[in-house]
Amino acid sequence: MKIEQVDRNRFLVTTKRYRGKVTSDWFDAKLLAEQGAIIGHSTGRNTTWFFQKRDEQFVLRKYYRGGILSKWVEDSYLFTGLKRTRAYRELSLLRKMQKKGLPVPEPVALMVEKNGFTYRASIIIGLIKNTQDLFHVLRQRSLSANEWRAVGSLIKQFHEQGVYHSDLNIHNILLDDQSRFWLIDFDKGRLLANTSARLETNLARLQRSLRKEKAKLPEFNWQESDWQHLVEGYEA
């Protein structure tokens, strides 16, 4: 990955394919909107922007804190080196997973802005077209037994390569219009030994995510028996 110092405080890192193409204005959502490049957005805890450049579509996401600390420090982190930032680690992990052929978004670029001992950061990844996350799919319809097995198989693919997803939930699993599943949002993810017991905590987290939504939304198209199909796919 190429590291470029944009100015005194900002660092731009790009993957090989996008070297010389991505500029600092790609990280400015307001400027992108003024240019007519914004094609959509997703609003959860914070806003994620979808935009288009040169006939390609991308996702711009800024890093925000979660938990209690976010009440006082929203989007800044202690700076201990560029390669130790959350953005650099995520982009690097995406690049490694892409090389392994795993179904993840394409890594594109990141921007880190240093301010004294702290930093703020944003990441740009490729937009996976014609997808919905599992949460929205299950609000519309049930998944078949084979689809649940495919979800289990998806997670197993990553675990076999030692990929630990720190926040595996139904918002981070996508289904496209070709019936393929994808995994997104690898902030704080890491590579572990593929025998690590910690990998299987991903499954427990996903199960809690499903149960939580079912408790909130009685019409949510998931039932406990679906979980066994997912496990079958994982263990196959």
C-alpha atoms as a PDB file:
ATOM      1  CA  MET A   1       0.000   0.000   0.000  1.00  0.00           C
ATOM      2  CA  LYS A   2       1.270   3.482  -0.875  1.00  0.00           C
ATOM      3  CA  ILE A   3       1.518   6.112   1.874  1.00  0.00           C
ATOM      4  CA  GLU A   4       1.333   9.748   0.802  1.00  0.00           C
ATOM      5  CA  GLN A   5       1.574  12.760   3.116  1.00  0.00           C
ATOM      6  CA  VAL A   6      -1.069  15.166   1.793  1.00  0.00           C
ATOM      7  CA  ASP A   7      -0.059  18.000   4.112  1.00  0.00           C
ATOM      8  CA  ARG A   8       1.439  18.452   7.554  1.00  0.00           C
ATOM      9  CA  ASN A   9      -1.294  16.525   9.343  1.00  0.00           C
ATOM     10  CA  ARG A  10      -2.982  14.277   6.759  1.00  0.00           C
ATOM     11  CA  PHE A  11      -1.875  10.921   5.371  1.00  0.00           C
ATOM     12  CA  LEU A  12      -3.466   9.185   2.379  1.00  0.00           C
ATOM     13  CA  VAL A  13      -2.952   5.447   1.910  1.00  0.00           C
ATOM     14  CA  THR A  14      -4.092   3.709  -1.281  1.00  0.00           C
ATOM     15  CA  THR A  15      -4.015   0.144  -2.558  1.00  0.00           C
ATOM     16  CA  LYS A  16      -2.123  -0.598  -5.764  1.00  0.00           C
ATOM     17  CA  ARG A  17      -5.122  -0.479  -8.114  1.00  0.00           C
ATOM     18  CA  TYR A  18      -6.133   2.992  -6.911  1.00  0.00           C
ATOM     19  CA  ARG A  19      -2.670   4.513  -6.651  1.00  0.00           C
ATOM     20  CA  GLY A  20      -2.741   7.960  -8.250  1.00  0.00           C
ATOM     21  CA  LYS A  21      -6.539   7.880  -8.643  1.00  0.00           C
ATOM     22  CA  VAL A  22      -7.828   8.633  -5.157  1.00  0.00           C
ATOM     23  CA  THR A  23      -7.473  12.207  -3.915  1.00  0.00           C
ATOM     24  CA  SER A  24      -8.236  13.828  -0.568  1.00  0.00           C
ATOM     25  CA  ASP A  25     -11.580  15.215  -1.790  1.00  0.00           C
ATOM     26  CA  TRP A  26     -12.927  11.644  -1.956  1.00  0.00           C
ATOM     27  CA  PHE A  27     -13.048  11.743   1.855  1.00  0.00           C
ATOM     28  CA  ASP A  28     -15.146  14.920   2.050  1.00  0.00           C
ATOM     29  CA  ALA A  29     -18.844  13.947   1.986  1.00  0.00           C
ATOM     30  CA  LYS A  30     -19.968  17.572   1.703  1.00  0.00           C
ATOM     31  CA  LEU A  31     -17.744  18.160  -1.322  1.00  0.00           C
ATOM     32  CA  LEU A  32     -18.830  14.880  -2.898  1.00  0.00           C
ATOM     33  CA  ALA A  33     -22.452  15.991  -2.524  1.00  0.00           C
ATOM     34  CA  GLU A  34     -21.670  19.351  -4.165  1.00  0.00           C
ATOM     35  CA  GLN A  35     -20.069  17.455  -7.057  1.00  0.00           C
ATOM     36  CA  GLY A  36     -23.186  15.296  -7.431  1.00  0.00           C
ATOM     37  CA  ALA A  37     -21.163  12.176  -6.663  1.00  0.00           C
ATOM     38  CA  ILE A  38     -23.256  10.940  -3.714  1.00  0.00           C
ATOM     39  CA  ILE A  39     -25.588   8.126  -4.781  1.00  0.00           C
ATOM     40  CA  GLY A  40     -26.943   7.109  -1.382  1.00  0.00           C
ATOM     41  CA  HIS A  41     -26.267   6.688   2.292  1.00  0.00           C
ATOM     42  CA  SER A  42     -26.900   4.359   5.205  1.00  0.00           C
ATOM     43  CA  THR A  43     -27.779   5.684   8.630  1.00  0.00           C
ATOM     44  CA  GLY A  44     -27.122   3.603  11.706  1.00  0.00           C
ATOM     45  CA  ARG A  45     -25.220   4.926  14.682  1.00  0.00           C
ATOM     46  CA  ASN A  46     -23.509   7.188  12.117  1.00  0.00           C
ATOM     47  CA  THR A  47     -23.866   7.912   8.404  1.00  0.00           C
ATOM     48  CA  THR A  48     -22.050   5.899   5.753  1.00  0.00           C
ATOM     49  CA  TRP A  49     -21.929   7.478   2.294  1.00  0.00           C
ATOM     50  CA  PHE A  50     -22.126   5.763  -1.108  1.00  0.00           C
ATOM     51  CA  PHE A  51     -20.607   7.673  -4.021  1.00  0.00           C
ATOM     52  CA  GLN A  52     -19.515   7.274  -7.625  1.00  0.00           C
ATOM     53  CA  LYS A  53     -16.259   8.228  -9.323  1.00  0.00           C
ATOM     54  CA  ARG A  54     -15.170   7.304 -12.864  1.00  0.00           C
ATOM     55  CA  ASP A  55     -17.991   4.794 -13.327  1.00  0.00           C
ATOM     56  CA  GLU A  56     -17.077   2.980 -10.110  1.00  0.00           C
ATOM     57  CA  GLN A  57     -19.047   3.014  -6.872  1.00  0.00           C
ATOM     58  CA  PHE A  58     -17.572   3.283  -3.405  1.00  0.00           C
ATOM     59  CA  VAL A  59     -18.390   3.432   0.295  1.00  0.00           C
ATOM     60  CA  LEU A  60     -17.017   6.178   2.565  1.00  0.00           C
ATOM     61  CA  ARG A  61     -17.063   5.425   6.282  1.00  0.00           C
ATOM     62  CA  LYS A  62     -15.653   7.496   9.116  1.00  0.00           C
ATOM     63  CA  TYR A  63     -14.449   5.860  12.329  1.00  0.00           C
ATOM     64  CA  TYR A  64     -16.468   6.582  15.442  1.00  0.00           C
ATOM     65  CA  ARG A  65     -16.183   5.307  18.959  1.00  0.00           C
ATOM     66  CA  GLY A  66     -18.823   3.092  20.514  1.00  0.00           C
ATOM     67  CA  GLY A  67     -19.746   2.438  24.114  1.00  0.00           C
ATOM     68  CA  ILE A  68     -19.686   4.778  27.081  1.00  0.00           C
ATOM     69  CA  LEU A  69     -16.496   6.580  26.030  1.00  0.00           C
ATOM     70  CA  SER A  70     -18.225   7.859  22.881  1.00  0.00           C
ATOM     71  CA  LYS A  71     -20.229  10.280  25.034  1.00  0.00           C
ATOM     72  CA  TRP A  72     -17.044  12.282  25.622  1.00  0.00           C
ATOM     73  CA  VAL A  73     -14.775  11.357  22.703  1.00  0.00           C
ATOM     74  CA  GLU A  74     -16.756  10.821  19.505  1.00  0.00           C
ATOM     75  CA  ASP A  75     -14.253  10.229  16.735  1.00  0.00           C
ATOM     76  CA  SER A  76     -10.651  10.658  17.898  1.00  0.00           C
ATOM     77  CA  TYR A  77      -8.098   8.065  18.973  1.00  0.00           C
ATOM     78  CA  LEU A  78      -4.618   8.037  20.469  1.00  0.00           C
ATOM     79  CA  PHE A  79      -2.025   8.183  17.677  1.00  0.00           C
ATOM     80  CA  THR A  80       0.780   5.645  18.122  1.00  0.00           C
ATOM     81  CA  GLY A  81       1.825   5.381  14.488  1.00  0.00           C
ATOM     82  CA  LEU A  82       0.077   5.329  11.114  1.00  0.00           C
ATOM     83  CA  LYS A  83       0.237   1.551  10.718  1.00  0.00           C
ATOM     84  CA  ARG A  84      -1.382   1.098  14.137  1.00  0.00           C
ATOM     85  CA  THR A  85      -4.471   3.167  13.296  1.00  0.00           C
ATOM     86  CA  ARG A  86      -7.816   1.390  12.996  1.00  0.00           C
ATOM     87  CA  ALA A  87      -8.122   2.461   9.363  1.00  0.00           C
ATOM     88  CA  TYR A  88      -4.716   1.097   8.320  1.00  0.00           C
ATOM     89  CA  ARG A  89      -5.313  -2.182  10.093  1.00  0.00           C
ATOM     90  CA  GLU A  90      -8.721  -2.653   8.475  1.00  0.00           C
ATOM     91  CA  LEU A  91      -7.513  -1.780   4.970  1.00  0.00           C
ATOM     92  CA  SER A  92      -4.533  -4.102   5.394  1.00  0.00           C
ATOM     93  CA  LEU A  93      -6.782  -6.941   6.594  1.00  0.00           C
ATOM     94  CA  LEU A  94      -9.171  -6.423   3.666  1.00  0.00           C
ATOM     95  CA  ARG A  95      -6.224  -6.590   1.284  1.00  0.00           C
ATOM     96  CA  LYS A  96      -5.037  -9.887   2.790  1.00  0.00           C
ATOM     97  CA  MET A  97      -8.530 -11.375   2.662  1.00  0.00           C
ATOM     98  CA  GLN A  98      -9.009 -10.284  -0.933  1.00  0.00           C
ATOM     99  CA  LYS A  99      -5.786 -12.087  -1.865  1.00  0.00           C
ATOM    100  CA  LYS A 100      -7.173 -15.222  -0.203  1.00  0.00           C
ATOM    101  CA  GLY A 101     -10.285 -14.974  -2.388  1.00  0.00           C
ATOM    102  CA  LEU A 102     -12.672 -14.309   0.487  1.00  0.00           C
ATOM    103  CA  PRO A 103     -16.002 -12.539  -0.295  1.00  0.00           C
ATOM    104  CA  VAL A 104     -15.233  -9.065   1.070  1.00  0.00           C
ATOM    105  CA  PRO A 105     -15.442  -5.504  -0.295  1.00  0.00           C
ATOM    106  CA  GLU A 106     -12.489  -4.290  -2.354  1.00  0.00           C
ATOM    107  CA  PRO A 107      -9.978  -2.267  -0.280  1.00  0.00           C
ATOM    108  CA  VAL A 108      -9.440   1.170  -1.813  1.00  0.00           C
ATOM    109  CA  ALA A 109      -7.963   3.864   0.427  1.00  0.00           C
ATOM    110  CA  LEU A 110      -7.869   5.546   3.826  1.00  0.00           C
ATOM    111  CA  MET A 111      -7.224   8.987   5.239  1.00  0.00           C
ATOM    112  CA  VAL A 112      -5.726   9.695   8.656  1.00  0.00           C
ATOM    113  CA  GLU A 113      -5.698  13.227  10.064  1.00  0.00           C
ATOM    114  CA  LYS A 114      -3.302  13.680  12.963  1.00  0.00           C
ATOM    115  CA  ASN A 115      -3.894  16.331  15.619  1.00  0.00           C
ATOM    116  CA  GLY A 116      -1.195  16.337  18.277  1.00  0.00           C
ATOM    117  CA  PHE A 117      -1.364  13.023  20.086  1.00  0.00           C
ATOM    118  CA  THR A 118      -4.698  11.995  18.523  1.00  0.00           C
ATOM    119  CA  TYR A 119      -6.073  11.200  15.074  1.00  0.00           C
ATOM    120  CA  ARG A 120      -9.307  10.900  13.112  1.00  0.00           C
ATOM    121  CA  ALA A 121      -9.706   8.514  10.196  1.00  0.00           C
ATOM    122  CA  SER A 122     -11.930   7.440   7.308  1.00  0.00           C
ATOM    123  CA  ILE A 123     -11.836   4.466   4.941  1.00  0.00           C
ATOM    124  CA  ILE A 124     -13.046   3.952   1.371  1.00  0.00           C
ATOM    125  CA  ILE A 125     -13.980   0.492   0.090  1.00  0.00           C
ATOM    126  CA  GLY A 126     -15.648  -0.746  -3.062  1.00  0.00           C
ATOM    127  CA  LEU A 127     -19.443  -0.884  -3.030  1.00  0.00           C
ATOM    128  CA  ILE A 128     -20.822  -4.406  -3.471  1.00  0.00           C
ATOM    129  CA  LYS A 129     -23.708  -3.791  -5.849  1.00  0.00           C
ATOM    130  CA  ASN A 130     -27.257  -5.090  -5.591  1.00  0.00           C
ATOM    131  CA  THR A 131     -27.053  -6.279  -2.002  1.00  0.00           C
ATOM    132  CA  GLN A 132     -29.118  -6.127   1.167  1.00  0.00           C
ATOM    133  CA  ASP A 133     -27.933  -6.897   4.653  1.00  0.00           C
ATOM    134  CA  LEU A 134     -29.419  -9.915   6.396  1.00  0.00           C
ATOM    135  CA  PHE A 135     -31.452  -7.716   8.730  1.00  0.00           C
ATOM    136  CA  HIS A 136     -33.416  -6.171   5.862  1.00  0.00           C
ATOM    137  CA  VAL A 137     -33.736  -9.482   4.025  1.00  0.00           C
ATOM    138  CA  LEU A 138     -35.252 -11.148   7.106  1.00  0.00           C
ATOM    139  CA  ARG A 139     -37.728  -8.332   7.538  1.00  0.00           C
ATOM    140  CA  GLN A 140     -39.054  -9.180   4.080  1.00  0.00           C
ATOM    141  CA  ARG A 141     -38.834 -12.968   3.913  1.00  0.00           C
ATOM    142  CA  SER A 142     -37.456 -16.125   5.479  1.00  0.00           C
ATOM    143  CA  LEU A 143     -34.225 -17.737   4.321  1.00  0.00           C
ATOM    144  CA  SER A 144     -34.398 -21.306   3.054  1.00  0.00           C
ATOM    145  CA  ALA A 145     -32.521 -24.095   4.836  1.00  0.00           C
ATOM    146  CA  ASN A 146     -29.908 -24.040   2.076  1.00  0.00           C
ATOM    147  CA  GLU A 147     -29.461 -20.289   2.426  1.00  0.00           C
ATOM    148  CA  TRP A 148     -28.854 -20.676   6.159  1.00  0.00           C
ATOM    149  CA  ARG A 149     -26.320 -23.401   5.395  1.00  0.00           C
ATOM    150  CA  ALA A 150     -24.645 -20.980   2.973  1.00  0.00           C
ATOM    151  CA  VAL A 151     -24.369 -18.407   5.779  1.00  0.00           C
ATOM    152  CA  GLY A 152     -22.711 -21.033   7.979  1.00  0.00           C
ATOM    153  CA  SER A 153     -20.370 -21.973   5.153  1.00  0.00           C
ATOM    154  CA  LEU A 154     -19.512 -18.281   4.642  1.00  0.00           C
ATOM    155  CA  ILE A 155     -18.420 -17.893   8.259  1.00  0.00           C
ATOM    156  CA  LYS A 156     -16.451 -21.126   8.096  1.00  0.00           C
ATOM    157  CA  GLN A 157     -14.541 -19.807   5.058  1.00  0.00           C
ATOM    158  CA  PHE A 158     -13.240 -16.937   7.132  1.00  0.00           C
ATOM    159  CA  HIS A 159     -12.479 -19.046  10.188  1.00  0.00           C
ATOM    160  CA  GLU A 160     -10.471 -21.515   8.125  1.00  0.00           C
ATOM    161  CA  GLN A 161      -8.255 -18.581   7.131  1.00  0.00           C
ATOM    162  CA  GLY A 162      -8.027 -17.433  10.768  1.00  0.00           C
ATOM    163  CA  VAL A 163     -10.114 -14.281  10.242  1.00  0.00           C
ATOM    164  CA  TYR A 164     -11.756 -13.025  13.429  1.00  0.00           C
ATOM    165  CA  HIS A 165     -14.648 -10.595  12.858  1.00  0.00           C
ATOM    166  CA  SER A 166     -15.031  -8.432  15.956  1.00  0.00           C
ATOM    167  CA  ASP A 167     -18.690  -7.575  15.357  1.00  0.00           C
ATOM    168  CA  LEU A 168     -20.378 -10.383  13.452  1.00  0.00           C
ATOM    169  CA  ASN A 169     -24.085  -9.534  13.308  1.00  0.00           C
ATOM    170  CA  ILE A 170     -26.893  -9.585  10.763  1.00  0.00           C
ATOM    171  CA  HIS A 171     -26.098  -6.052   9.589  1.00  0.00           C
ATOM    172  CA  ASN A 172     -22.627  -7.131   8.451  1.00  0.00           C
ATOM    173  CA  ILE A 173     -23.706 -10.082   6.282  1.00  0.00           C
ATOM    174  CA  LEU A 174     -24.889  -9.134   2.787  1.00  0.00           C
ATOM    175  CA  LEU A 175     -26.883 -11.105   0.207  1.00  0.00           C
ATOM    176  CA  ASP A 176     -26.616 -10.063  -3.442  1.00  0.00           C
ATOM    177  CA  ASP A 177     -28.993 -10.618  -6.362  1.00  0.00           C
ATOM    178  CA  GLN A 178     -26.981 -13.687  -7.440  1.00  0.00           C
ATOM    179  CA  SER A 179     -27.678 -15.422  -4.083  1.00  0.00           C
ATOM    180  CA  ARG A 180     -24.096 -14.892  -2.898  1.00  0.00           C
ATOM    181  CA  PHE A 181     -23.279 -13.917   0.674  1.00  0.00           C
ATOM    182  CA  TRP A 182     -20.616 -11.373   1.639  1.00  0.00           C
ATOM    183  CA  LEU A 183     -19.067 -10.216   4.901  1.00  0.00           C
ATOM    184  CA  ILE A 184     -18.343  -6.524   5.609  1.00  0.00           C
ATOM    185  CA  ASP A 185     -17.078  -4.145   8.334  1.00  0.00           C
ATOM    186  CA  PHE A 186     -13.783  -5.532   9.601  1.00  0.00           C
ATOM    187  CA  ASP A 187     -12.960  -2.675  11.979  1.00  0.00           C
ATOM    188  CA  LYS A 188     -10.977  -4.247  14.857  1.00  0.00           C
ATOM    189  CA  GLY A 189     -10.883  -7.560  13.010  1.00  0.00           C
ATOM    190  CA  ARG A 190      -7.691  -9.604  13.064  1.00  0.00           C
ATOM    191  CA  LEU A 191      -5.978 -12.783  11.954  1.00  0.00           C
ATOM    192  CA  LEU A 192      -5.695 -15.571  14.519  1.00  0.00           C
ATOM    193  CA  ALA A 193      -4.587 -19.172  14.431  1.00  0.00           C
ATOM    194  CA  ASN A 194      -7.445 -21.038  12.758  1.00  0.00           C
ATOM    195  CA  THR A 195      -7.625 -23.311  15.791  1.00  0.00           C
ATOM    196  CA  SER A 196      -8.368 -20.425  18.150  1.00  0.00           C
ATOM    197  CA  ALA A 197     -11.453 -20.973  20.308  1.00  0.00           C
ATOM    198  CA  ARG A 198     -12.072 -17.249  20.014  1.00  0.00           C
ATOM    199  CA  LEU A 199     -13.161 -17.671  16.395  1.00  0.00           C
ATOM    200  CA  GLU A 200     -16.267 -19.569  17.468  1.00  0.00           C
ATOM    201  CA  THR A 201     -17.360 -16.653  19.665  1.00  0.00           C
ATOM    202  CA  ASN A 202     -18.325 -15.084  16.321  1.00  0.00           C
ATOM    203  CA  LEU A 203     -21.137 -17.630  16.043  1.00  0.00           C
ATOM    204  CA  ALA A 204     -22.449 -16.835  19.522  1.00  0.00           C
ATOM    205  CA  ARG A 205     -22.444 -13.118  18.716  1.00  0.00           C
ATOM    206  CA  LEU A 206     -24.388 -13.693  15.501  1.00  0.00           C
ATOM    207  CA  GLN A 207     -26.942 -15.853  17.328  1.00  0.00           C
ATOM    208  CA  ARG A 208     -27.446 -13.096  19.922  1.00  0.00           C
ATOM    209  CA  SER A 209     -27.960 -10.621  17.084  1.00  0.00           C
ATOM    210  CA  LEU A 210     -30.722 -12.786  15.578  1.00  0.00           C
ATOM    211  CA  ARG A 211     -32.428 -13.344  18.913  1.00  0.00           C
ATOM    212  CA  LYS A 212     -32.290  -9.649  19.720  1.00  0.00           C
ATOM    213  CA  GLU A 213     -34.054  -8.650  16.505  1.00  0.00           C
ATOM    214  CA  LYS A 214     -36.643 -11.411  16.895  1.00  0.00           C
ATOM    215  CA  ALA A 215     -37.471 -10.130  20.390  1.00  0.00           C
ATOM    216  CA  LYS A 216     -37.875  -6.570  19.078  1.00  0.00           C
ATOM    217  CA  LEU A 217     -39.741  -7.493  15.891  1.00  0.00           C
ATOM    218  CA  PRO A 218     -42.206 -10.404  16.210  1.00  0.00           C
ATOM    219  CA  GLU A 219     -42.660 -10.393  12.419  1.00  0.00           C
ATOM    220  CA  PHE A 220     -38.904 -10.914  11.946  1.00  0.00           C
ATOM    221  CA  ASN A 221     -38.500 -13.990   9.725  1.00  0.00           C
ATOM    222  CA  TRP A 222     -36.197 -16.066  11.910  1.00  0.00           C
ATOM    223  CA  GLN A 223     -36.768 -18.956  14.279  1.00  0.00           C
ATOM    224  CA  GLU A 224     -34.508 -21.001  16.524  1.00  0.00           C
ATOM    225  CA  SER A 225     -34.673 -24.020  14.203  1.00  0.00           C
ATOM    226  CA  ASP A 226     -32.982 -21.936  11.476  1.00  0.00           C
ATOM    227  CA  TRP A 227     -29.846 -21.819  13.605  1.00  0.00           C
ATOM    228  CA  GLN A 228     -29.314 -25.569  13.235  1.00  0.00           C
ATOM    229  CA  HIS A 229     -29.178 -25.193   9.444  1.00  0.00           C
ATOM    230  CA  LEU A 230     -26.509 -22.505   9.827  1.00  0.00           C
ATOM    231  CA  VAL A 231     -24.494 -24.802  12.109  1.00  0.00           C
ATOM    232  CA  GLU A 232     -24.832 -27.616   9.556  1.00  0.00           C
ATOM    233  CA  GLY A 233     -23.310 -25.347   6.918  1.00  0.00           C
ATOM    234  CA  TYR A 234     -20.528 -24.327   9.281  1.00  0.00           C
ATOM    235  CA  GLU A 235     -19.644 -27.902  10.204  1.00  0.00           C
ATOM    236  CA  ALA A 236     -19.929 -29.395   6.706  1.00  0.00           C
END
